[in-house]
């Protein structure tokens, strides 16, 4: 089993935006999402490196989109 842990400080408010993605299963991987203080923690476990790379890519893309939306709303 391969794993990755993404911890991003100051964006715990983004958690709700990513929750629907957690409900959609990515093949050969498990993802958990939690907050620790003001940090968002995304933990990905995958059967192989290909599945880990695909999951990381997806969550980084969704995280980037959520952050862009948040910044646009704050302007």
N, C-alpha and C. Protein backbone atom coordinates (compact mmCIF):
# COMPACT_ATOMS: atom_id res chain seq x y z
N UNK A 1 0.86 -1.18 0.00
CA UNK A 1 0.00 0.00 0.00
C UNK A 1 0.90 1.24 0.00
N UNK A 2 0.57 2.18 -0.84
CA UNK A 2 1.28 3.45 -0.95
C UNK A 2 0.39 4.54 -0.36
N UNK A 3 1.01 5.60 0.18
CA UNK A 3 0.18 6.65 0.77
C UNK A 3 0.82 8.02 0.58
N UNK A 4 -0.03 9.05 0.69
CA UNK A 4 0.39 10.44 0.63
C UNK A 4 -0.45 11.22 1.61
N UNK A 5 0.16 12.22 2.22
CA UNK A 5 -0.53 13.07 3.18
C UNK A 5 -0.34 14.52 2.74
N UNK A 6 -1.43 15.21 2.46
CA UNK A 6 -1.39 16.62 2.09
C UNK A 6 -1.92 17.42 3.27
N UNK A 7 -1.13 18.37 3.76
CA UNK A 7 -1.55 19.23 4.85
C UNK A 7 -1.39 20.66 4.38
N UNK A 8 -2.49 21.40 4.35
CA UNK A 8 -2.47 22.78 3.87
C UNK A 8 -3.01 23.67 4.98
N UNK A 9 -2.16 24.55 5.50
CA UNK A 9 -2.56 25.45 6.58
C UNK A 9 -3.47 26.56 6.09
N UNK A 10 -4.37 26.97 6.97
CA UNK A 10 -5.20 28.15 6.73
C UNK A 10 -6.37 27.97 5.80
N UNK A 11 -6.73 26.74 5.47
CA UNK A 11 -7.85 26.56 4.53
C UNK A 11 -8.86 25.52 5.01
N UNK A 12 -9.04 25.38 6.29
CA UNK A 12 -10.00 24.39 6.78
C UNK A 12 -11.40 24.63 6.24
N UNK A 13 -11.70 25.87 5.83
CA UNK A 13 -13.03 26.18 5.29
C UNK A 13 -13.28 25.52 3.94
N UNK A 14 -12.27 25.03 3.28
CA UNK A 14 -12.40 24.39 1.98
C UNK A 14 -12.93 22.96 2.12
N UNK A 15 -12.89 22.42 3.32
CA UNK A 15 -13.28 21.02 3.55
C UNK A 15 -14.65 20.70 2.93
N UNK A 16 -15.63 21.55 3.18
CA UNK A 16 -16.99 21.27 2.66
C UNK A 16 -17.02 21.20 1.15
N UNK A 17 -16.19 21.97 0.48
CA UNK A 17 -16.17 21.95 -0.98
C UNK A 17 -15.64 20.63 -1.53
N UNK A 18 -14.78 19.96 -0.76
CA UNK A 18 -14.20 18.70 -1.23
C UNK A 18 -14.97 17.46 -0.77
N UNK A 19 -15.88 17.62 0.16
CA UNK A 19 -16.62 16.46 0.67
C UNK A 19 -17.35 15.66 -0.41
N UNK A 20 -17.99 16.30 -1.40
CA UNK A 20 -18.64 15.49 -2.44
C UNK A 20 -17.65 14.60 -3.21
N UNK A 21 -16.41 15.05 -3.34
CA UNK A 21 -15.41 14.25 -4.04
C UNK A 21 -15.01 13.02 -3.23
N UNK A 22 -15.07 13.13 -1.92
CA UNK A 22 -14.75 11.99 -1.05
C UNK A 22 -15.78 10.88 -1.26
N UNK A 23 -17.03 11.26 -1.48
CA UNK A 23 -18.10 10.27 -1.67
C UNK A 23 -17.95 9.51 -2.99
N UNK A 24 -17.32 10.15 -3.99
CA UNK A 24 -17.06 9.48 -5.27
C UNK A 24 -15.78 8.68 -5.12
N UNK A 25 -15.86 7.40 -5.28
CA UNK A 25 -14.70 6.54 -5.11
C UNK A 25 -13.78 6.60 -6.32
N UNK A 26 -12.49 6.74 -6.05
CA UNK A 26 -11.48 6.65 -7.10
C UNK A 26 -10.97 5.21 -7.07
N UNK A 27 -10.94 4.55 -8.20
CA UNK A 27 -10.54 3.14 -8.21
C UNK A 27 -9.17 2.90 -7.55
N UNK A 28 -9.08 1.85 -6.77
CA UNK A 28 -7.86 1.37 -6.12
C UNK A 28 -7.27 2.33 -5.10
N UNK A 29 -8.09 3.24 -4.57
CA UNK A 29 -7.57 4.17 -3.56
C UNK A 29 -8.64 4.49 -2.52
N UNK A 30 -8.17 4.91 -1.35
CA UNK A 30 -9.03 5.36 -0.26
C UNK A 30 -8.57 6.76 0.13
N UNK A 31 -9.52 7.66 0.36
CA UNK A 31 -9.18 9.03 0.70
C UNK A 31 -9.94 9.43 1.96
N UNK A 32 -9.24 10.09 2.86
CA UNK A 32 -9.91 10.66 4.04
C UNK A 32 -9.57 12.14 4.10
N UNK A 33 -10.50 12.89 4.65
CA UNK A 33 -10.38 14.34 4.72
C UNK A 33 -10.74 14.76 6.14
N UNK A 34 -9.91 15.61 6.72
CA UNK A 34 -10.18 16.10 8.08
C UNK A 34 -9.52 17.46 8.27
N UNK A 35 -9.94 18.15 9.32
CA UNK A 35 -9.28 19.40 9.67
C UNK A 35 -8.53 19.20 10.98
N UNK A 36 -7.44 19.89 11.09
CA UNK A 36 -6.66 19.94 12.33
C UNK A 36 -6.36 21.41 12.57
N UNK A 37 -7.12 22.00 13.50
CA UNK A 37 -7.03 23.44 13.68
C UNK A 37 -7.53 24.13 12.43
N UNK A 38 -6.69 24.98 11.86
CA UNK A 38 -7.06 25.68 10.63
C UNK A 38 -6.46 25.01 9.39
N UNK A 39 -5.90 23.81 9.56
CA UNK A 39 -5.30 23.10 8.43
C UNK A 39 -6.25 22.04 7.89
N UNK A 40 -6.19 21.85 6.60
CA UNK A 40 -6.94 20.79 5.93
C UNK A 40 -5.97 19.64 5.67
N UNK A 41 -6.36 18.44 6.06
CA UNK A 41 -5.51 17.26 5.90
C UNK A 41 -6.22 16.27 4.98
N UNK A 42 -5.55 15.93 3.89
CA UNK A 42 -6.06 14.95 2.94
C UNK A 42 -5.11 13.77 2.95
N UNK A 43 -5.62 12.60 3.31
CA UNK A 43 -4.79 11.39 3.35
C UNK A 43 -5.27 10.44 2.26
N UNK A 44 -4.34 10.02 1.43
CA UNK A 44 -4.66 9.14 0.31
C UNK A 44 -3.86 7.85 0.46
N UNK A 45 -4.55 6.73 0.38
CA UNK A 45 -3.90 5.42 0.39
C UNK A 45 -4.30 4.72 -0.91
N UNK A 46 -3.32 4.13 -1.57
CA UNK A 46 -3.59 3.51 -2.86
C UNK A 46 -2.87 2.19 -2.99
N UNK A 47 -3.44 1.30 -3.79
CA UNK A 47 -2.86 -0.02 -4.01
C UNK A 47 -1.54 0.03 -4.75
N UNK A 48 -1.37 1.03 -5.63
CA UNK A 48 -0.15 1.10 -6.43
C UNK A 48 0.17 2.57 -6.72
N UNK A 49 1.36 2.81 -7.25
CA UNK A 49 1.78 4.19 -7.49
C UNK A 49 0.95 4.87 -8.57
N UNK A 50 0.45 4.12 -9.54
CA UNK A 50 -0.39 4.72 -10.58
C UNK A 50 -1.68 5.26 -9.98
N UNK A 51 -2.31 4.48 -9.12
CA UNK A 51 -3.55 4.92 -8.46
C UNK A 51 -3.27 6.10 -7.52
N UNK A 52 -2.12 6.08 -6.84
CA UNK A 52 -1.76 7.18 -5.94
C UNK A 52 -1.57 8.46 -6.74
N UNK A 53 -0.86 8.38 -7.85
CA UNK A 53 -0.64 9.55 -8.70
C UNK A 53 -1.96 10.11 -9.22
N UNK A 54 -2.84 9.24 -9.66
CA UNK A 54 -4.15 9.68 -10.18
C UNK A 54 -4.97 10.37 -9.08
N UNK A 55 -4.97 9.79 -7.90
CA UNK A 55 -5.72 10.38 -6.79
C UNK A 55 -5.13 11.72 -6.38
N UNK A 56 -3.81 11.79 -6.26
CA UNK A 56 -3.16 13.05 -5.90
C UNK A 56 -3.47 14.13 -6.93
N UNK A 57 -3.38 13.77 -8.18
CA UNK A 57 -3.66 14.72 -9.25
C UNK A 57 -5.10 15.24 -9.15
N UNK A 58 -6.04 14.35 -8.94
CA UNK A 58 -7.44 14.76 -8.82
C UNK A 58 -7.65 15.69 -7.64
N UNK A 59 -7.15 15.32 -6.48
CA UNK A 59 -7.38 16.15 -5.29
C UNK A 59 -6.65 17.48 -5.36
N UNK A 60 -5.47 17.51 -5.94
CA UNK A 60 -4.77 18.79 -6.11
C UNK A 60 -5.54 19.70 -7.06
N UNK A 61 -6.11 19.14 -8.11
CA UNK A 61 -6.89 19.92 -9.07
C UNK A 61 -8.17 20.46 -8.40
N UNK A 62 -8.87 19.61 -7.64
CA UNK A 62 -10.09 20.05 -6.94
C UNK A 62 -9.76 21.09 -5.88
N UNK A 63 -8.65 20.91 -5.18
CA UNK A 63 -8.23 21.86 -4.16
C UNK A 63 -7.91 23.21 -4.80
N UNK A 64 -7.22 23.18 -5.93
CA UNK A 64 -6.90 24.42 -6.64
C UNK A 64 -8.17 25.13 -7.10
N UNK A 65 -9.13 24.40 -7.61
CA UNK A 65 -10.39 25.00 -8.06
C UNK A 65 -11.13 25.62 -6.88
N UNK A 66 -11.18 24.94 -5.75
CA UNK A 66 -11.87 25.45 -4.57
C UNK A 66 -11.19 26.71 -4.04
N UNK A 67 -9.86 26.73 -4.04
CA UNK A 67 -9.12 27.91 -3.59
C UNK A 67 -9.34 29.09 -4.54
N UNK A 68 -9.37 28.81 -5.83
CA UNK A 68 -9.63 29.88 -6.80
C UNK A 68 -11.02 30.47 -6.60
N UNK A 69 -12.00 29.63 -6.37
CA UNK A 69 -13.36 30.10 -6.12
C UNK A 69 -13.44 30.92 -4.85
N UNK A 70 -12.75 30.47 -3.80
CA UNK A 70 -12.74 31.19 -2.54
C UNK A 70 -12.11 32.58 -2.71
N UNK A 71 -11.00 32.63 -3.43
CA UNK A 71 -10.32 33.92 -3.66
C UNK A 71 -11.22 34.87 -4.48
N UNK A 72 -11.90 34.33 -5.48
CA UNK A 72 -12.79 35.16 -6.30
C UNK A 72 -13.94 35.73 -5.47
N UNK A 73 -14.45 34.94 -4.54
CA UNK A 73 -15.56 35.41 -3.70
C UNK A 73 -15.10 36.47 -2.70
N UNK A 74 -13.82 36.44 -2.32
CA UNK A 74 -13.31 37.40 -1.35
C UNK A 74 -12.97 38.74 -1.98
N UNK A 75 -12.86 38.77 -3.31
CA UNK A 75 -12.53 40.04 -3.99
C UNK A 75 -13.71 40.95 -4.12
